[in-house]
Amino acid sequence: MTVAIRRDGEISDVDGGWFRARWHYSFDSYHDPAYMGFGTMRVFNDDRLVPGAVWPMHPHKDIEGLTYVVEGSFRHQDDVGGPPGPLPAGSVQRMTLGSGAWHSEQNASETEPMRFIQIWIMPAERGLPPGVEQKVFTSADRTDRLLRVISGEGAPAVLVHQDAHVFVSRLNAGSSVSHEPGGGRGLYLYVIDGAVAVNGEDMATGDAAQIRDEQRMTVQAAAVTDLIVVDIAL
């Protein structure tokens, strides 16, 4: 049974001027053979864009691109007719890049910064028709619970074309939540902000953990905490 914690200072941190990126797994110019992915999750990025910033249109294929808006206003552009938004904090989006599509992530505000987490999941099938689904969730929706916002089971969550789930939570100090992933699965937990104990292991803002072979994950908040958990087949 393992809860392998990676501390905030151990995670790649790239400052591009108009963006800042925390790349948890090998991505672009960052390469670490020990962090090439986790199950079918290939990418986990914590990205920040300055006001008005636009990530240039770029192509991908055979990826389920998942976005969780942490702060600010997220706008999206693509060549398949997906809804542009903007999406407020707490929202999620899935873009199926399948047979190939172009897209762009953008800060919809000219005055406020924007922060989003982007996850790449490898789909169960190659060549899926490109498409976009998104949904707005509120802070109240996720307070003191693990809220399933993206799931291979679909509604009421946004659908991902893989045996995977994404949960988000905002815990008040003293609150706790638990999750049982089931056999053959792993959990990736990221503390967006706050302080918690995960199965007895202390974690703080920016820390992440790969959790394997644990029958139950219990998270106890020592302060107001925002976190995200990916449940994935290994």
C-alpha atoms as a PDB file:
ATOM      1  CA  MET A   1       0.000   0.000   0.000  1.00  0.00           C
ATOM      2  CA  THR A   2       1.490   3.317  -0.987  1.00  0.00           C
ATOM      3  CA  VAL A   3       0.788   7.014  -0.809  1.00  0.00           C
ATOM      4  CA  ALA A   4       3.726   8.426  -2.788  1.00  0.00           C
ATOM      5  CA  ILE A   5       3.836  12.182  -2.176  1.00  0.00           C
ATOM      6  CA  ARG A   6       5.565  14.613  -4.494  1.00  0.00           C
ATOM      7  CA  ARG A   7       6.130  17.941  -2.797  1.00  0.00           C
ATOM      8  CA  ASP A   8       5.352  21.281  -4.386  1.00  0.00           C
ATOM      9  CA  GLY A   9       9.010  22.175  -4.940  1.00  0.00           C
ATOM     10  CA  GLU A  10       9.675  18.890  -6.771  1.00  0.00           C
ATOM     11  CA  ILE A  11       7.152  19.576  -9.551  1.00  0.00           C
ATOM     12  CA  SER A  12       8.249  21.227 -12.800  1.00  0.00           C
ATOM     13  CA  ASP A  13       7.622  24.993 -12.812  1.00  0.00           C
ATOM     14  CA  VAL A  14       7.861  26.886 -16.103  1.00  0.00           C
ATOM     15  CA  ASP A  15       7.473  30.681 -16.389  1.00  0.00           C
ATOM     16  CA  GLY A  16       6.722  31.705 -19.974  1.00  0.00           C
ATOM     17  CA  GLY A  17       5.939  35.340 -19.169  1.00  0.00           C
ATOM     18  CA  TRP A  18       2.324  35.328 -20.326  1.00  0.00           C
ATOM     19  CA  PHE A  19       1.811  31.887 -18.784  1.00  0.00           C
ATOM     20  CA  ARG A  20       3.077  29.866 -15.836  1.00  0.00           C
ATOM     21  CA  ALA A  21       2.840  26.090 -15.960  1.00  0.00           C
ATOM     22  CA  ARG A  22       3.301  23.325 -13.390  1.00  0.00           C
ATOM     23  CA  TRP A  23       3.844  20.149 -15.415  1.00  0.00           C
ATOM     24  CA  HIS A  24       3.393  17.093 -13.186  1.00  0.00           C
ATOM     25  CA  TYR A  25       4.297  14.586 -15.903  1.00  0.00           C
ATOM     26  CA  SER A  26       6.727  14.772 -18.824  1.00  0.00           C
ATOM     27  CA  PHE A  27       5.403  17.388 -21.226  1.00  0.00           C
ATOM     28  CA  ASP A  28       6.846  19.642 -23.925  1.00  0.00           C
ATOM     29  CA  SER A  29      10.424  20.560 -22.832  1.00  0.00           C
ATOM     30  CA  TYR A  30      10.095  18.773 -19.460  1.00  0.00           C
ATOM     31  CA  HIS A  31      11.162  15.122 -19.435  1.00  0.00           C
ATOM     32  CA  ASP A  32      11.411  12.837 -16.411  1.00  0.00           C
ATOM     33  CA  PRO A  33      11.445   9.049 -16.999  1.00  0.00           C
ATOM     34  CA  ALA A  34       9.954   8.564 -13.515  1.00  0.00           C
ATOM     35  CA  TYR A  35       6.914  10.684 -14.428  1.00  0.00           C
ATOM     36  CA  MET A  36       5.663   9.646 -17.874  1.00  0.00           C
ATOM     37  CA  GLY A  37       2.042   9.152 -16.828  1.00  0.00           C
ATOM     38  CA  PHE A  38      -0.177   7.327 -14.368  1.00  0.00           C
ATOM     39  CA  GLY A  39      -2.410   4.609 -15.767  1.00  0.00           C
ATOM     40  CA  THR A  40      -4.190   6.116 -18.772  1.00  0.00           C
ATOM     41  CA  MET A  41      -3.531   9.669 -17.512  1.00  0.00           C
ATOM     42  CA  ARG A  42      -0.727  11.087 -19.622  1.00  0.00           C
ATOM     43  CA  VAL A  43      -0.712  14.769 -18.577  1.00  0.00           C
ATOM     44  CA  PHE A  44      -1.612  16.770 -15.463  1.00  0.00           C
ATOM     45  CA  ASN A  45      -0.833  20.483 -15.810  1.00  0.00           C
ATOM     46  CA  ASP A  46      -1.622  23.402 -13.488  1.00  0.00           C
ATOM     47  CA  ASP A  47      -1.620  26.425 -15.823  1.00  0.00           C
ATOM     48  CA  ARG A  48      -1.974  30.168 -15.254  1.00  0.00           C
ATOM     49  CA  LEU A  49      -2.593  32.787 -17.948  1.00  0.00           C
ATOM     50  CA  VAL A  50      -2.119  36.540 -17.539  1.00  0.00           C
ATOM     51  CA  PRO A  51      -5.092  38.818 -18.388  1.00  0.00           C
ATOM     52  CA  GLY A  52      -6.085  38.575 -22.040  1.00  0.00           C
ATOM     53  CA  ALA A  53      -3.639  35.760 -22.814  1.00  0.00           C
ATOM     54  CA  VAL A  54      -4.453  33.378 -25.656  1.00  0.00           C
ATOM     55  CA  TRP A  55      -2.745  30.024 -26.121  1.00  0.00           C
ATOM     56  CA  PRO A  56      -2.280  29.851 -29.913  1.00  0.00           C
ATOM     57  CA  MET A  57      -4.436  27.355 -31.816  1.00  0.00           C
ATOM     58  CA  HIS A  58      -2.706  23.982 -31.911  1.00  0.00           C
ATOM     59  CA  PRO A  59      -3.618  20.441 -33.033  1.00  0.00           C
ATOM     60  CA  HIS A  60      -3.952  17.169 -31.098  1.00  0.00           C
ATOM     61  CA  LYS A  61      -5.485  13.764 -31.749  1.00  0.00           C
ATOM     62  CA  ASP A  62      -6.545  10.706 -29.756  1.00  0.00           C
ATOM     63  CA  ILE A  63      -6.634  12.602 -26.462  1.00  0.00           C
ATOM     64  CA  GLU A  64      -9.437  13.326 -24.016  1.00  0.00           C
ATOM     65  CA  GLY A  65      -8.496  16.864 -22.941  1.00  0.00           C
ATOM     66  CA  LEU A  66     -10.065  17.641 -19.539  1.00  0.00           C
ATOM     67  CA  THR A  67     -10.116  21.135 -18.043  1.00  0.00           C
ATOM     68  CA  TYR A  68     -11.021  22.250 -14.524  1.00  0.00           C
ATOM     69  CA  VAL A  69     -11.262  26.022 -14.060  1.00  0.00           C
ATOM     70  CA  VAL A  70      -9.654  26.989 -10.734  1.00  0.00           C
ATOM     71  CA  GLU A  71      -9.744  30.799 -10.922  1.00  0.00           C
ATOM     72  CA  GLY A  72     -10.931  33.448 -13.347  1.00  0.00           C
ATOM     73  CA  SER A  73     -12.793  33.043 -16.632  1.00  0.00           C
ATOM     74  CA  PHE A  74     -11.864  30.336 -19.162  1.00  0.00           C
ATOM     75  CA  ARG A  75     -12.624  30.731 -22.864  1.00  0.00           C
ATOM     76  CA  HIS A  76     -12.100  28.032 -25.484  1.00  0.00           C
ATOM     77  CA  GLN A  77     -11.787  28.084 -29.262  1.00  0.00           C
ATOM     78  CA  ASP A  78     -11.729  25.091 -31.610  1.00  0.00           C
ATOM     79  CA  ASP A  79     -12.423  24.078 -35.198  1.00  0.00           C
ATOM     80  CA  VAL A  80     -15.250  21.625 -34.436  1.00  0.00           C
ATOM     81  CA  GLY A  81     -17.941  24.087 -33.290  1.00  0.00           C
ATOM     82  CA  GLY A  82     -17.595  23.576 -29.544  1.00  0.00           C
ATOM     83  CA  PRO A  83     -19.157  26.143 -27.180  1.00  0.00           C
ATOM     84  CA  PRO A  84     -16.616  28.909 -26.441  1.00  0.00           C
ATOM     85  CA  GLY A  85     -17.804  29.780 -22.946  1.00  0.00           C
ATOM     86  CA  PRO A  86     -16.594  31.656 -21.047  1.00  0.00           C
ATOM     87  CA  LEU A  87     -16.621  29.269 -18.117  1.00  0.00           C
ATOM     88  CA  PRO A  88     -16.376  30.494 -14.497  1.00  0.00           C
ATOM     89  CA  ALA A  89     -14.292  28.938 -11.716  1.00  0.00           C
ATOM     90  CA  GLY A  90     -15.553  25.475 -10.768  1.00  0.00           C
ATOM     91  CA  SER A  91     -16.505  24.524 -14.317  1.00  0.00           C
ATOM     92  CA  VAL A  92     -15.231  21.542 -16.272  1.00  0.00           C
ATOM     93  CA  GLN A  93     -14.809  20.821 -19.952  1.00  0.00           C
ATOM     94  CA  ARG A  94     -13.946  17.741 -21.995  1.00  0.00           C
ATOM     95  CA  MET A  95     -12.650  18.032 -25.521  1.00  0.00           C
ATOM     96  CA  THR A  96     -12.435  14.774 -27.427  1.00  0.00           C
ATOM     97  CA  LEU A  97      -9.614  15.307 -29.919  1.00  0.00           C
ATOM     98  CA  GLY A  98     -10.099  11.839 -31.424  1.00  0.00           C
ATOM     99  CA  SER A  99      -9.480  11.838 -35.169  1.00  0.00           C
ATOM    100  CA  GLY A 100      -7.831  15.268 -34.861  1.00  0.00           C
ATOM    101  CA  ALA A 101      -8.807  18.851 -34.039  1.00  0.00           C
ATOM    102  CA  TRP A 102      -7.354  22.294 -33.351  1.00  0.00           C
ATOM    103  CA  HIS A 103      -8.070  24.226 -30.174  1.00  0.00           C
ATOM    104  CA  SER A 104      -6.967  27.151 -28.018  1.00  0.00           C
ATOM    105  CA  GLU A 105      -7.212  27.885 -24.286  1.00  0.00           C
ATOM    106  CA  GLN A 106      -7.770  31.559 -23.470  1.00  0.00           C
ATOM    107  CA  ASN A 107      -8.188  33.955 -20.555  1.00  0.00           C
ATOM    108  CA  ALA A 108     -11.563  35.600 -21.188  1.00  0.00           C
ATOM    109  CA  SER A 109     -10.719  38.519 -18.863  1.00  0.00           C
ATOM    110  CA  GLU A 110      -8.600  41.518 -19.876  1.00  0.00           C
ATOM    111  CA  THR A 111      -8.048  42.487 -16.238  1.00  0.00           C
ATOM    112  CA  GLU A 112      -7.861  39.313 -14.102  1.00  0.00           C
ATOM    113  CA  PRO A 113      -5.533  36.286 -14.270  1.00  0.00           C
ATOM    114  CA  MET A 114      -6.921  32.824 -14.990  1.00  0.00           C
ATOM    115  CA  ARG A 115      -5.876  29.419 -13.667  1.00  0.00           C
ATOM    116  CA  PHE A 116      -6.928  26.006 -14.915  1.00  0.00           C
ATOM    117  CA  ILE A 117      -5.905  22.388 -14.515  1.00  0.00           C
ATOM    118  CA  GLN A 118      -5.643  20.392 -17.710  1.00  0.00           C
ATOM    119  CA  ILE A 119      -5.555  16.599 -17.747  1.00  0.00           C
ATOM    120  CA  TRP A 120      -4.963  14.352 -20.736  1.00  0.00           C
ATOM    121  CA  ILE A 121      -6.573  10.925 -20.614  1.00  0.00           C
ATOM    122  CA  MET A 122      -5.842   8.388 -23.351  1.00  0.00           C
ATOM    123  CA  PRO A 123      -9.235   7.302 -24.748  1.00  0.00           C
ATOM    124  CA  ALA A 124     -10.502   3.728 -24.831  1.00  0.00           C
ATOM    125  CA  GLU A 125     -10.825   3.997 -28.637  1.00  0.00           C
ATOM    126  CA  ARG A 126      -8.760   5.763 -31.244  1.00  0.00           C
ATOM    127  CA  GLY A 127     -10.248   7.954 -33.965  1.00  0.00           C
ATOM    128  CA  LEU A 128     -13.333   9.135 -32.041  1.00  0.00           C
ATOM    129  CA  PRO A 129     -15.285  12.038 -33.578  1.00  0.00           C
ATOM    130  CA  PRO A 130     -14.019  15.321 -32.082  1.00  0.00           C
ATOM    131  CA  GLY A 131     -16.419  17.128 -29.759  1.00  0.00           C
ATOM    132  CA  VAL A 132     -16.787  19.267 -26.649  1.00  0.00           C
ATOM    133  CA  GLU A 133     -18.906  18.925 -23.500  1.00  0.00           C
ATOM    134  CA  GLN A 134     -18.785  21.318 -20.566  1.00  0.00           C
ATOM    135  CA  LYS A 135     -20.643  21.998 -17.353  1.00  0.00           C
ATOM    136  CA  VAL A 136     -20.722  24.664 -14.644  1.00  0.00           C
ATOM    137  CA  PHE A 137     -20.466  23.566 -11.003  1.00  0.00           C
ATOM    138  CA  THR A 138     -20.541  25.916  -8.014  1.00  0.00           C
ATOM    139  CA  SER A 139     -18.453  26.084  -4.867  1.00  0.00           C
ATOM    140  CA  ALA A 140     -21.502  24.924  -2.906  1.00  0.00           C
ATOM    141  CA  ASP A 141     -21.743  21.816  -5.118  1.00  0.00           C
ATOM    142  CA  ARG A 142     -18.305  20.605  -3.995  1.00  0.00           C
ATOM    143  CA  THR A 143     -18.198  21.855  -0.393  1.00  0.00           C
ATOM    144  CA  ASP A 144     -17.372  19.108   2.135  1.00  0.00           C
ATOM    145  CA  ARG A 145     -17.841  16.324  -0.422  1.00  0.00           C
ATOM    146  CA  LEU A 146     -16.034  14.692  -3.310  1.00  0.00           C
ATOM    147  CA  LEU A 147     -18.009  15.885  -6.321  1.00  0.00           C
ATOM    148  CA  ARG A 148     -17.700  13.706  -9.423  1.00  0.00           C
ATOM    149  CA  VAL A 149     -17.435  16.224 -12.265  1.00  0.00           C
ATOM    150  CA  ILE A 150     -16.024  14.046 -15.078  1.00  0.00           C
ATOM    151  CA  SER A 151     -16.720  10.339 -15.487  1.00  0.00           C
ATOM    152  CA  GLY A 152     -16.647   7.448 -17.903  1.00  0.00           C
ATOM    153  CA  GLU A 153     -20.217   6.837 -16.730  1.00  0.00           C
ATOM    154  CA  GLY A 154     -21.382  10.226 -18.055  1.00  0.00           C
ATOM    155  CA  ALA A 155     -24.287  12.274 -16.662  1.00  0.00           C
ATOM    156  CA  PRO A 156     -24.675  13.989 -14.284  1.00  0.00           C
ATOM    157  CA  ALA A 157     -20.922  14.384 -14.768  1.00  0.00           C
ATOM    158  CA  VAL A 158     -19.256  15.341 -18.047  1.00  0.00           C
ATOM    159  CA  LEU A 159     -18.452  12.198 -20.067  1.00  0.00           C
ATOM    160  CA  VAL A 160     -14.880  11.021 -20.678  1.00  0.00           C
ATOM    161  CA  HIS A 161     -14.305   8.172 -23.123  1.00  0.00           C
ATOM    162  CA  GLN A 162     -12.301   6.024 -20.698  1.00  0.00           C
ATOM    163  CA  ASP A 163     -12.675   4.165 -17.392  1.00  0.00           C
ATOM    164  CA  ALA A 164     -11.766   7.235 -15.371  1.00  0.00           C
ATOM    165  CA  HIS A 165     -13.307   9.743 -12.978  1.00  0.00           C
ATOM    166  CA  VAL A 166     -12.376  13.227 -11.771  1.00  0.00           C
ATOM    167  CA  PHE A 167     -13.533  14.537  -8.385  1.00  0.00           C
ATOM    168  CA  VAL A 168     -13.176  18.021  -6.909  1.00  0.00           C
ATOM    169  CA  SER A 169     -13.734  19.198  -3.360  1.00  0.00           C
ATOM    170  CA  ARG A 170     -13.641  22.262  -1.137  1.00  0.00           C
ATOM    171  CA  LEU A 171     -13.230  21.146   2.463  1.00  0.00           C
ATOM    172  CA  ASN A 172     -13.740  23.289   5.519  1.00  0.00           C
ATOM    173  CA  ALA A 173     -11.221  22.901   8.332  1.00  0.00           C
ATOM    174  CA  GLY A 174     -12.038  19.759  10.311  1.00  0.00           C
ATOM    175  CA  SER A 175     -14.070  18.171   7.501  1.00  0.00           C
ATOM    176  CA  SER A 176     -13.160  14.836   5.949  1.00  0.00           C
ATOM    177  CA  VAL A 177     -14.088  12.812   2.878  1.00  0.00           C
ATOM    178  CA  SER A 178     -13.368   9.217   1.867  1.00  0.00           C
ATOM    179  CA  HIS A 179     -13.240   7.320  -1.412  1.00  0.00           C
ATOM    180  CA  GLU A 180     -12.854   3.617  -2.222  1.00  0.00           C
ATOM    181  CA  PRO A 181     -11.296   3.236  -5.686  1.00  0.00           C
ATOM    182  CA  GLY A 182     -11.663  -0.511  -6.077  1.00  0.00           C
ATOM    183  CA  GLY A 183      -9.102  -3.102  -7.157  1.00  0.00           C
ATOM    184  CA  GLY A 184      -6.628  -2.384  -9.930  1.00  0.00           C
ATOM    185  CA  ARG A 185      -7.099   1.354  -9.702  1.00  0.00           C
ATOM    186  CA  GLY A 186      -5.001   4.306  -8.635  1.00  0.00           C
ATOM    187  CA  LEU A 187      -5.730   7.813  -7.385  1.00  0.00           C
ATOM    188  CA  TYR A 188      -3.899  11.033  -8.158  1.00  0.00           C
ATOM    189  CA  LEU A 189      -4.605  13.737  -5.592  1.00  0.00           C
ATOM    190  CA  TYR A 190      -3.476  17.348  -5.933  1.00  0.00           C
ATOM    191  CA  VAL A 191      -3.822  19.969  -3.204  1.00  0.00           C
ATOM    192  CA  ILE A 192      -4.775  23.121  -5.118  1.00  0.00           C
ATOM    193  CA  ASP A 193      -4.746  25.162  -1.924  1.00  0.00           C
ATOM    194  CA  GLY A 194      -4.846  24.303   1.774  1.00  0.00           C
ATOM    195  CA  ALA A 195      -3.599  21.584   4.124  1.00  0.00           C
ATOM    196  CA  VAL A 196      -4.810  18.011   4.580  1.00  0.00           C
ATOM    197  CA  ALA A 197      -3.834  14.589   5.869  1.00  0.00           C
ATOM    198  CA  VAL A 198      -4.278  11.819   3.287  1.00  0.00           C
ATOM    199  CA  ASN A 199      -4.382   8.392   4.949  1.00  0.00           C
ATOM    200  CA  GLY A 200      -2.365   9.993   7.727  1.00  0.00           C
ATOM    201  CA  GLU A 201       0.220  11.673   5.444  1.00  0.00           C
ATOM    202  CA  ASP A 202       0.354  15.482   5.694  1.00  0.00           C
ATOM    203  CA  MET A 203       0.045  17.426   2.445  1.00  0.00           C
ATOM    204  CA  ALA A 204      -0.075  21.166   1.733  1.00  0.00           C
ATOM    205  CA  THR A 205      -0.642  23.583  -1.159  1.00  0.00           C
ATOM    206  CA  GLY A 206       0.989  22.321  -4.353  1.00  0.00           C
ATOM    207  CA  ASP A 207       1.681  18.790  -3.099  1.00  0.00           C
ATOM    208  CA  ALA A 208       0.510  15.795  -5.129  1.00  0.00           C
ATOM    209  CA  ALA A 209       0.216  12.078  -4.392  1.00  0.00           C
ATOM    210  CA  GLN A 210       0.044   8.900  -6.428  1.00  0.00           C
ATOM    211  CA  ILE A 211      -2.029   6.442  -4.406  1.00  0.00           C
ATOM    212  CA  ARG A 212      -1.889   2.739  -5.236  1.00  0.00           C
ATOM    213  CA  ASP A 213      -3.175  -0.421  -3.574  1.00  0.00           C
ATOM    214  CA  GLU A 214      -5.180   1.423  -0.942  1.00  0.00           C
ATOM    215  CA  GLN A 215      -8.687   0.120  -0.251  1.00  0.00           C
ATOM    216  CA  ARG A 216      -9.784   3.533   0.988  1.00  0.00           C
ATOM    217  CA  MET A 217      -8.510   7.094   0.717  1.00  0.00           C
ATOM    218  CA  THR A 218      -9.438   9.350   3.631  1.00  0.00           C
ATOM    219  CA  VAL A 219      -8.756  13.085   3.440  1.00  0.00           C
ATOM    220  CA  GLN A 220      -8.898  15.172   6.630  1.00  0.00           C
ATOM    221  CA  ALA A 221      -8.686  18.958   6.223  1.00  0.00           C
ATOM    222  CA  ALA A 222      -6.548  20.992   8.628  1.00  0.00           C
ATOM    223  CA  ALA A 223      -7.538  24.239   6.888  1.00  0.00           C
ATOM    224  CA  VAL A 224      -9.945  25.326   4.154  1.00  0.00           C
ATOM    225  CA  THR A 225      -8.730  23.229   1.236  1.00  0.00           C
ATOM    226  CA  ASP A 226      -9.440  22.896  -2.481  1.00  0.00           C
ATOM    227  CA  LEU A 227      -8.327  19.663  -4.121  1.00  0.00           C
ATOM    228  CA  ILE A 228      -8.786  17.495  -7.183  1.00  0.00           C
ATOM    229  CA  VAL A 229      -8.625  13.684  -7.431  1.00  0.00           C
ATOM    230  CA  VAL A 230      -8.284  11.541 -10.560  1.00  0.00           C
ATOM    231  CA  ASP A 231      -9.452   7.894 -10.223  1.00  0.00           C
ATOM    232  CA  ILE A 232      -7.884   5.806 -12.974  1.00  0.00           C
ATOM    233  CA  ALA A 233      -7.403   2.178 -13.983  1.00  0.00           C
ATOM    234  CA  LEU A 234      -3.758   1.101 -13.654  1.00  0.00           C
END
